[in-house]
Amino acid sequence: MSLTHFDGKGDAHMVDVSDKAVTSRIATAVTWIKMSQGAFDIISEGRAKKGDVLGVARLAGIMGAKKTPELIPLCHPLPITKVAVELTLDPELPGVQIEATVKTTGQTGVEMEALTAASITALTVYDMTKAVDKSMEIGGLRVVLKDGGKSGRYQAI
């Protein structure tokens, strides 16, 4: 198996998807952000000085999905039909679990858009709470669902 973003000479190129079928596609990515108990309490109690941390982070994630082709050099611009970002407070971390789902009808998948949405969401949580906790940790970024297109369905176990 070869990497599709390199041509026969080894040069990076944008993959030609013009011969691929237009199908309904979906991808879900997850990540988490772990923080101090104090930062967690501020977010969960709605006491952040910058405002609604989870609401702003959700919007940032949605915007991030839409901006993915501007950030990832060989990513195709796609007609995104849906972006959903779920943030769940997790007292066990303590922190926030993030799940981003992106849908399109097109000729290539939306894994990069889902990964970008999850990443930007976590980074926004960090940005909005860094005054309280600069040691926050972001981790576990991965695709947990991809469906549609020639390669079919992938679901993480």
N, C-alpha and C. Protein backbone atom coordinates (compact mmCIF):
# COMPACT_ATOMS: atom_id res chain seq x y z
N MET A 1 0.84 -1.18 0.00
CA MET A 1 0.00 0.00 0.00
C MET A 1 0.89 1.24 0.00
N SER A 2 0.53 2.22 -0.82
CA SER A 2 1.33 3.44 -0.90
C SER A 2 0.54 4.63 -0.34
N LEU A 3 1.27 5.68 -0.01
CA LEU A 3 0.63 6.89 0.47
C LEU A 3 0.07 7.67 -0.72
N THR A 4 -1.18 8.07 -0.63
CA THR A 4 -1.85 8.68 -1.78
C THR A 4 -1.46 10.13 -2.03
N HIS A 5 -0.87 10.80 -1.07
CA HIS A 5 -0.52 12.21 -1.23
C HIS A 5 0.87 12.43 -1.83
N PHE A 6 1.47 11.35 -2.40
CA PHE A 6 2.76 11.47 -3.07
C PHE A 6 2.64 10.86 -4.45
N ASP A 7 3.24 11.53 -5.43
CA ASP A 7 3.21 11.00 -6.79
C ASP A 7 4.35 10.00 -6.99
N GLY A 8 4.51 9.52 -8.21
CA GLY A 8 5.53 8.52 -8.52
C GLY A 8 6.95 8.98 -8.25
N LYS A 9 7.19 10.29 -8.27
CA LYS A 9 8.51 10.85 -7.99
C LYS A 9 8.73 11.13 -6.51
N GLY A 10 7.67 10.94 -5.70
CA GLY A 10 7.78 11.22 -4.28
C GLY A 10 7.41 12.64 -3.89
N ASP A 11 6.88 13.41 -4.85
CA ASP A 11 6.47 14.78 -4.56
C ASP A 11 5.05 14.80 -4.01
N ALA A 12 4.82 15.69 -3.04
CA ALA A 12 3.47 15.84 -2.48
C ALA A 12 2.54 16.43 -3.54
N HIS A 13 1.32 15.92 -3.56
CA HIS A 13 0.31 16.44 -4.49
C HIS A 13 -1.07 16.21 -3.90
N MET A 14 -2.03 16.98 -4.42
CA MET A 14 -3.42 16.81 -4.01
C MET A 14 -4.00 15.64 -4.80
N VAL A 15 -4.62 14.71 -4.11
CA VAL A 15 -5.20 13.53 -4.74
C VAL A 15 -6.34 13.94 -5.66
N ASP A 16 -6.39 13.35 -6.84
CA ASP A 16 -7.47 13.60 -7.79
C ASP A 16 -8.65 12.71 -7.41
N VAL A 17 -9.74 13.33 -6.98
CA VAL A 17 -10.92 12.57 -6.56
C VAL A 17 -12.04 12.65 -7.60
N SER A 18 -11.74 13.21 -8.77
CA SER A 18 -12.79 13.45 -9.77
C SER A 18 -13.47 12.18 -10.25
N ASP A 19 -12.80 11.03 -10.20
CA ASP A 19 -13.41 9.78 -10.64
C ASP A 19 -14.11 9.02 -9.52
N LYS A 20 -14.03 9.54 -8.31
CA LYS A 20 -14.67 8.87 -7.18
C LYS A 20 -16.17 9.19 -7.17
N ALA A 21 -16.95 8.25 -6.68
CA ALA A 21 -18.40 8.43 -6.60
C ALA A 21 -18.76 9.44 -5.51
N VAL A 22 -19.80 10.20 -5.77
CA VAL A 22 -20.35 11.10 -4.77
C VAL A 22 -21.22 10.25 -3.84
N THR A 23 -20.82 10.18 -2.58
CA THR A 23 -21.58 9.40 -1.60
C THR A 23 -21.73 10.20 -0.32
N SER A 24 -22.66 9.76 0.50
CA SER A 24 -22.83 10.34 1.83
C SER A 24 -21.68 9.86 2.70
N ARG A 25 -21.04 10.78 3.39
CA ARG A 25 -19.86 10.45 4.19
C ARG A 25 -19.99 11.08 5.57
N ILE A 26 -19.41 10.38 6.56
CA ILE A 26 -19.43 10.86 7.93
C ILE A 26 -18.13 10.45 8.62
N ALA A 27 -17.68 11.28 9.54
CA ALA A 27 -16.52 10.93 10.36
C ALA A 27 -16.72 11.53 11.75
N THR A 28 -16.26 10.79 12.75
CA THR A 28 -16.31 11.26 14.13
C THR A 28 -14.91 11.13 14.72
N ALA A 29 -14.47 12.19 15.38
CA ALA A 29 -13.18 12.19 16.05
C ALA A 29 -13.39 12.57 17.51
N VAL A 30 -12.51 12.07 18.36
CA VAL A 30 -12.60 12.38 19.79
C VAL A 30 -11.25 12.86 20.31
N THR A 31 -11.29 13.57 21.40
CA THR A 31 -10.11 13.98 22.14
C THR A 31 -10.58 14.33 23.55
N TRP A 32 -9.63 14.66 24.42
CA TRP A 32 -9.97 15.09 25.77
C TRP A 32 -8.98 16.15 26.21
N ILE A 33 -9.42 16.94 27.18
CA ILE A 33 -8.52 17.90 27.80
C ILE A 33 -8.63 17.71 29.31
N LYS A 34 -7.48 17.42 29.90
CA LYS A 34 -7.39 17.18 31.33
C LYS A 34 -6.88 18.45 32.00
N MET A 35 -7.41 18.76 33.17
CA MET A 35 -7.07 20.01 33.85
C MET A 35 -7.11 19.84 35.36
N SER A 36 -6.69 20.89 36.04
CA SER A 36 -6.74 20.88 37.50
C SER A 36 -8.20 20.87 37.96
N GLN A 37 -8.39 20.44 39.20
CA GLN A 37 -9.75 20.44 39.76
C GLN A 37 -10.31 21.86 39.79
N GLY A 38 -9.45 22.84 40.09
CA GLY A 38 -9.90 24.23 40.13
C GLY A 38 -10.42 24.71 38.79
N ALA A 39 -9.70 24.41 37.71
CA ALA A 39 -10.15 24.80 36.37
C ALA A 39 -11.43 24.08 36.01
N PHE A 40 -11.51 22.80 36.35
CA PHE A 40 -12.73 22.02 36.08
C PHE A 40 -13.93 22.64 36.80
N ASP A 41 -13.73 23.01 38.05
CA ASP A 41 -14.82 23.61 38.83
C ASP A 41 -15.28 24.93 38.22
N ILE A 42 -14.35 25.74 37.77
CA ILE A 42 -14.70 27.02 37.15
C ILE A 42 -15.54 26.80 35.89
N ILE A 43 -15.13 25.83 35.06
CA ILE A 43 -15.90 25.54 33.84
C ILE A 43 -17.27 24.97 34.20
N SER A 44 -17.30 23.98 35.07
CA SER A 44 -18.57 23.30 35.37
C SER A 44 -19.55 24.20 36.10
N GLU A 45 -19.04 25.18 36.83
CA GLU A 45 -19.91 26.12 37.55
C GLU A 45 -20.18 27.38 36.75
N GLY A 46 -19.62 27.50 35.54
CA GLY A 46 -19.86 28.66 34.69
C GLY A 46 -19.25 29.95 35.20
N ARG A 47 -18.09 29.85 35.87
CA ARG A 47 -17.47 31.03 36.48
C ARG A 47 -16.25 31.55 35.71
N ALA A 48 -16.04 31.11 34.48
CA ALA A 48 -14.87 31.56 33.72
C ALA A 48 -15.01 33.03 33.36
N LYS A 49 -13.94 33.79 33.53
CA LYS A 49 -13.97 35.23 33.26
C LYS A 49 -14.20 35.53 31.79
N LYS A 50 -13.77 34.64 30.90
CA LYS A 50 -13.95 34.87 29.47
C LYS A 50 -15.33 34.47 28.97
N GLY A 51 -16.17 33.90 29.83
CA GLY A 51 -17.53 33.55 29.43
C GLY A 51 -17.78 32.05 29.39
N ASP A 52 -18.76 31.66 28.57
CA ASP A 52 -19.21 30.28 28.45
C ASP A 52 -18.17 29.45 27.71
N VAL A 53 -17.29 28.79 28.45
CA VAL A 53 -16.18 28.05 27.87
C VAL A 53 -16.66 26.98 26.90
N LEU A 54 -17.61 26.17 27.31
CA LEU A 54 -18.05 25.06 26.46
C LEU A 54 -18.78 25.56 25.22
N GLY A 55 -19.60 26.59 25.36
CA GLY A 55 -20.32 27.15 24.22
C GLY A 55 -19.39 27.76 23.19
N VAL A 56 -18.42 28.53 23.66
CA VAL A 56 -17.45 29.15 22.74
C VAL A 56 -16.59 28.07 22.09
N ALA A 57 -16.17 27.07 22.85
CA ALA A 57 -15.35 25.99 22.30
C ALA A 57 -16.11 25.20 21.24
N ARG A 58 -17.40 24.98 21.46
CA ARG A 58 -18.23 24.27 20.46
C ARG A 58 -18.25 25.06 19.15
N LEU A 59 -18.49 26.37 19.23
CA LEU A 59 -18.52 27.19 18.02
C LEU A 59 -17.16 27.20 17.33
N ALA A 60 -16.08 27.27 18.11
CA ALA A 60 -14.74 27.24 17.53
C ALA A 60 -14.49 25.93 16.79
N GLY A 61 -14.94 24.82 17.35
CA GLY A 61 -14.79 23.53 16.69
C GLY A 61 -15.54 23.47 15.38
N ILE A 62 -16.75 24.00 15.36
CA ILE A 62 -17.54 24.04 14.12
C ILE A 62 -16.82 24.89 13.08
N MET A 63 -16.32 26.04 13.50
CA MET A 63 -15.58 26.91 12.58
C MET A 63 -14.31 26.21 12.08
N GLY A 64 -13.64 25.49 12.97
CA GLY A 64 -12.43 24.78 12.60
C GLY A 64 -12.68 23.75 11.51
N ALA A 65 -13.78 23.02 11.63
CA ALA A 65 -14.12 22.03 10.60
C ALA A 65 -14.26 22.70 9.24
N LYS A 66 -14.92 23.85 9.22
CA LYS A 66 -15.15 24.57 7.97
C LYS A 66 -13.88 25.16 7.38
N LYS A 67 -12.87 25.38 8.21
CA LYS A 67 -11.61 26.00 7.76
C LYS A 67 -10.52 24.96 7.47
N THR A 68 -10.82 23.69 7.59
CA THR A 68 -9.80 22.64 7.46
C THR A 68 -8.97 22.75 6.18
N PRO A 69 -9.57 22.96 5.00
CA PRO A 69 -8.73 23.03 3.79
C PRO A 69 -7.76 24.21 3.80
N GLU A 70 -8.02 25.23 4.62
CA GLU A 70 -7.10 26.36 4.73
C GLU A 70 -5.92 26.02 5.66
N LEU A 71 -6.08 25.01 6.49
CA LEU A 71 -5.06 24.65 7.47
C LEU A 71 -4.23 23.44 7.07
N ILE A 72 -4.83 22.48 6.39
CA ILE A 72 -4.16 21.25 5.97
C ILE A 72 -3.90 21.38 4.47
N PRO A 73 -2.65 21.49 4.05
CA PRO A 73 -2.33 21.87 2.67
C PRO A 73 -2.96 21.03 1.56
N LEU A 74 -3.08 19.72 1.72
CA LEU A 74 -3.58 18.88 0.63
C LEU A 74 -5.02 18.42 0.83
N CYS A 75 -5.72 19.06 1.74
CA CYS A 75 -7.11 18.71 2.06
C CYS A 75 -8.05 19.39 1.06
N HIS A 76 -9.00 18.62 0.54
CA HIS A 76 -9.96 19.17 -0.41
C HIS A 76 -11.01 20.04 0.29
N PRO A 77 -11.40 21.15 -0.32
CA PRO A 77 -12.55 21.89 0.20
C PRO A 77 -13.82 21.08 -0.09
N LEU A 78 -14.64 20.91 0.92
CA LEU A 78 -15.83 20.07 0.79
C LEU A 78 -17.09 20.82 1.18
N PRO A 79 -18.22 20.44 0.59
CA PRO A 79 -19.50 21.02 1.02
C PRO A 79 -19.97 20.32 2.31
N ILE A 80 -19.56 20.83 3.43
CA ILE A 80 -19.93 20.23 4.72
C ILE A 80 -21.42 20.44 4.94
N THR A 81 -22.12 19.35 5.26
CA THR A 81 -23.57 19.44 5.48
C THR A 81 -23.94 19.47 6.96
N LYS A 82 -23.01 19.02 7.83
CA LYS A 82 -23.30 19.06 9.26
C LYS A 82 -21.99 18.96 10.04
N VAL A 83 -21.92 19.75 11.12
CA VAL A 83 -20.86 19.61 12.11
C VAL A 83 -21.53 19.62 13.47
N ALA A 84 -21.28 18.60 14.26
CA ALA A 84 -21.79 18.54 15.63
C ALA A 84 -20.62 18.32 16.57
N VAL A 85 -20.52 19.15 17.60
CA VAL A 85 -19.46 19.04 18.58
C VAL A 85 -20.10 18.87 19.95
N GLU A 86 -19.79 17.76 20.59
CA GLU A 86 -20.31 17.48 21.93
C GLU A 86 -19.18 17.59 22.94
N LEU A 87 -19.41 18.34 23.99
CA LEU A 87 -18.46 18.47 25.09
C LEU A 87 -19.10 17.91 26.34
N THR A 88 -18.41 16.99 26.99
CA THR A 88 -18.95 16.35 28.19
C THR A 88 -17.97 16.56 29.33
N LEU A 89 -18.46 17.18 30.39
CA LEU A 89 -17.63 17.34 31.59
C LEU A 89 -17.36 15.96 32.18
N ASP A 90 -16.10 15.69 32.47
CA ASP A 90 -15.70 14.39 33.00
C ASP A 90 -14.95 14.59 34.32
N PRO A 91 -15.64 14.42 35.44
CA PRO A 91 -14.99 14.64 36.74
C PRO A 91 -13.87 13.64 37.03
N GLU A 92 -13.85 12.51 36.34
CA GLU A 92 -12.80 11.52 36.55
C GLU A 92 -11.45 11.98 36.02
N LEU A 93 -11.44 12.82 34.95
CA LEU A 93 -10.16 13.27 34.40
C LEU A 93 -9.37 14.11 35.41
N PRO A 94 -9.80 15.16 35.98
CA PRO A 94 -10.97 15.97 35.60
C PRO A 94 -10.69 16.74 34.31
N GLY A 95 -11.78 16.97 33.56
CA GLY A 95 -11.64 17.68 32.31
C GLY A 95 -12.86 17.55 31.44
N VAL A 96 -12.63 17.63 30.13
CA VAL A 96 -13.72 17.63 29.17
C VAL A 96 -13.43 16.59 28.09
N GLN A 97 -14.41 15.73 27.82
CA GLN A 97 -14.37 14.80 26.70
C GLN A 97 -15.01 15.51 25.51
N ILE A 98 -14.40 15.39 24.34
CA ILE A 98 -14.87 16.10 23.15
C ILE A 98 -15.10 15.09 22.03
N GLU A 99 -16.25 15.22 21.37
CA GLU A 99 -16.57 14.39 20.21
C GLU A 99 -17.07 15.29 19.09
N ALA A 100 -16.45 15.19 17.94
CA ALA A 100 -16.83 16.01 16.78
C ALA A 100 -17.23 15.11 15.63
N THR A 101 -18.40 15.36 15.06
CA THR A 101 -18.91 14.59 13.94
C THR A 101 -19.16 15.53 12.77
N VAL A 102 -18.67 15.13 11.60
CA VAL A 102 -18.82 15.94 10.39
C VAL A 102 -19.44 15.06 9.30
N LYS A 103 -20.37 15.67 8.54
CA LYS A 103 -21.02 14.97 7.43
C LYS A 103 -20.87 15.77 6.15
N THR A 104 -20.85 15.05 5.04
CA THR A 104 -20.86 15.66 3.71
C THR A 104 -21.46 14.68 2.72
N THR A 105 -21.77 15.19 1.56
CA THR A 105 -22.06 14.35 0.40
C THR A 105 -21.04 14.79 -0.63
N GLY A 106 -20.08 13.91 -0.90
CA GLY A 106 -19.00 14.32 -1.78
C GLY A 106 -18.17 13.15 -2.26
N GLN A 107 -16.98 13.48 -2.76
CA GLN A 107 -16.11 12.48 -3.38
C GLN A 107 -14.93 12.09 -2.50
N THR A 108 -14.85 12.65 -1.31
CA THR A 108 -13.80 12.27 -0.37
C THR A 108 -14.32 12.44 1.05
N GLY A 109 -13.65 11.80 1.99
CA GLY A 109 -14.14 11.75 3.36
C GLY A 109 -13.87 13.01 4.17
N VAL A 110 -14.41 13.03 5.38
CA VAL A 110 -14.33 14.19 6.26
C VAL A 110 -13.60 13.89 7.56
N GLU A 111 -12.66 12.93 7.51
CA GLU A 111 -11.89 12.63 8.72
C GLU A 111 -11.07 13.83 9.19
N MET A 112 -10.44 14.52 8.26
CA MET A 112 -9.61 15.67 8.64
C MET A 112 -10.45 16.78 9.25
N GLU A 113 -11.65 16.97 8.74
CA GLU A 113 -12.54 17.99 9.29
C GLU A 113 -12.96 17.64 10.72
N ALA A 114 -13.24 16.35 10.96
CA ALA A 114 -13.62 15.92 12.31
C ALA A 114 -12.45 16.06 13.28
N LEU A 115 -11.25 15.66 12.84
CA LEU A 115 -10.06 15.80 13.68
C LEU A 115 -9.76 17.27 13.98
N THR A 116 -9.91 18.12 12.97
CA THR A 116 -9.67 19.54 13.18
C THR A 116 -10.70 20.12 14.14
N ALA A 117 -11.95 19.76 13.98
CA ALA A 117 -13.00 20.27 14.88
C ALA A 117 -12.70 19.88 16.33
N ALA A 118 -12.34 18.62 16.55
CA ALA A 118 -12.04 18.17 17.92
C ALA A 118 -10.83 18.92 18.47
N SER A 119 -9.79 19.07 17.66
CA SER A 119 -8.58 19.76 18.09
C SER A 119 -8.84 21.21 18.46
N ILE A 120 -9.51 21.93 17.58
CA ILE A 120 -9.78 23.35 17.81
C ILE A 120 -10.68 23.54 19.02
N THR A 121 -11.60 22.61 19.23
CA THR A 121 -12.45 22.68 20.43
C THR A 121 -11.59 22.59 21.69
N ALA A 122 -10.69 21.60 21.73
CA ALA A 122 -9.82 21.44 22.90
C ALA A 122 -8.91 22.64 23.09
N LEU A 123 -8.35 23.15 22.00
CA LEU A 123 -7.47 24.31 22.10
C LEU A 123 -8.22 25.54 22.62
N THR A 124 -9.47 25.66 22.26
CA THR A 124 -10.27 26.79 22.74
C THR A 124 -10.57 26.67 24.22
N VAL A 125 -10.84 25.45 24.69
CA VAL A 125 -11.00 25.25 26.14
C VAL A 125 -9.73 25.68 26.84
N TYR A 126 -8.58 25.26 26.30
CA TYR A 126 -7.30 25.66 26.89
C TYR A 126 -7.17 27.18 26.91
N ASP A 127 -7.42 27.81 25.78
CA ASP A 127 -7.27 29.26 25.68
C ASP A 127 -8.14 30.00 26.69
N MET A 128 -9.35 29.53 26.88
CA MET A 128 -10.28 30.23 27.76
C MET A 128 -10.02 29.99 29.24
N THR A 129 -9.22 28.97 29.57
CA THR A 129 -8.98 28.66 30.99
C THR A 129 -7.51 28.66 31.37
N LYS A 130 -6.62 29.05 30.46
CA LYS A 130 -5.18 29.01 30.74
C LYS A 130 -4.76 29.94 31.86
N ALA A 131 -5.54 30.97 32.15
CA ALA A 131 -5.20 31.88 33.25
C ALA A 131 -5.27 31.15 34.59
N VAL A 132 -6.08 30.11 34.66
CA VAL A 132 -6.26 29.34 35.89
C VAL A 132 -5.34 28.13 35.93
N ASP A 133 -5.08 27.52 34.74
CA ASP A 133 -4.29 26.29 34.70
C ASP A 133 -3.50 26.20 33.39
N LYS A 134 -2.23 26.51 33.44
CA LYS A 134 -1.39 26.44 32.24
C LYS A 134 -0.89 25.02 31.98
N SER A 135 -1.12 24.10 32.90
CA SER A 135 -0.60 22.74 32.77
C SER A 135 -1.62 21.76 32.18
N MET A 136 -2.70 22.27 31.60
CA MET A 136 -3.70 21.37 31.01
C MET A 136 -3.05 20.49 29.95
N GLU A 137 -3.59 19.29 29.79
CA GLU A 137 -3.07 18.32 28.83
C GLU A 137 -4.18 17.92 27.87
N ILE A 138 -3.86 17.95 26.57
CA ILE A 138 -4.80 17.52 25.53
C ILE A 138 -4.29 16.20 24.99
N GLY A 139 -5.18 15.22 24.84
CA GLY A 139 -4.73 13.92 24.37
C GLY A 139 -5.83 13.08 23.77
N GLY A 140 -5.42 11.91 23.29
CA GLY A 140 -6.37 10.91 22.79
C GLY A 140 -7.03 11.26 21.47
N LEU A 141 -6.46 12.18 20.69
CA LEU A 141 -7.08 12.58 19.43
C LEU A 141 -7.04 11.41 18.44
N ARG A 142 -8.24 11.03 17.96
CA ARG A 142 -8.30 9.93 16.99
C ARG A 142 -9.66 9.88 16.32
N VAL A 143 -9.68 9.26 15.16
CA VAL A 143 -10.93 9.00 14.44
C VAL A 143 -11.54 7.74 15.03
N VAL A 144 -12.81 7.81 15.41
CA VAL A 144 -13.49 6.64 15.96
C VAL A 144 -14.56 6.10 15.02
N LEU A 145 -14.91 6.89 13.99
CA LEU A 145 -15.89 6.44 13.00
C LEU A 145 -15.60 7.13 11.68
N LYS A 146 -15.65 6.34 10.62
CA LYS A 146 -15.57 6.85 9.26
C LYS A 146 -16.46 5.95 8.42
N ASP A 147 -17.37 6.56 7.67
CA ASP A 147 -18.26 5.76 6.84
C ASP A 147 -18.53 6.49 5.54
N GLY A 148 -18.75 5.70 4.49
CA GLY A 148 -19.03 6.23 3.16
C GLY A 148 -17.83 6.10 2.26
N GLY A 149 -18.10 6.03 0.99
CA GLY A 149 -16.99 5.93 0.04
C GLY A 149 -16.57 4.50 -0.21
N LYS A 150 -15.54 4.35 -1.02
CA LYS A 150 -15.07 3.04 -1.47
C LYS A 150 -14.55 2.16 -0.33
N SER A 151 -13.88 2.76 0.63
CA SER A 151 -13.28 1.96 1.69
C SER A 151 -14.29 1.49 2.75
N GLY A 152 -15.53 1.98 2.66
CA GLY A 152 -16.57 1.51 3.57
C GLY A 152 -16.47 2.06 4.98
N ARG A 153 -16.94 1.26 5.92
CA ARG A 153 -17.07 1.70 7.31
C ARG A 153 -15.86 1.30 8.15
N TYR A 154 -15.39 2.25 8.93
CA TYR A 154 -14.37 1.98 9.96
C TYR A 154 -14.95 2.46 11.28
N GLN A 155 -14.90 1.63 12.27
CA GLN A 155 -15.32 2.02 13.61
C GLN A 155 -14.32 1.49 14.62
N ALA A 156 -13.79 2.39 15.44
CA ALA A 156 -12.82 2.00 16.45
C ALA A 156 -13.50 1.12 17.50
N ILE A 157 -12.75 0.23 18.04
CA ILE A 157 -13.29 -0.67 19.06
C ILE A 157 -13.11 -0.04 20.42
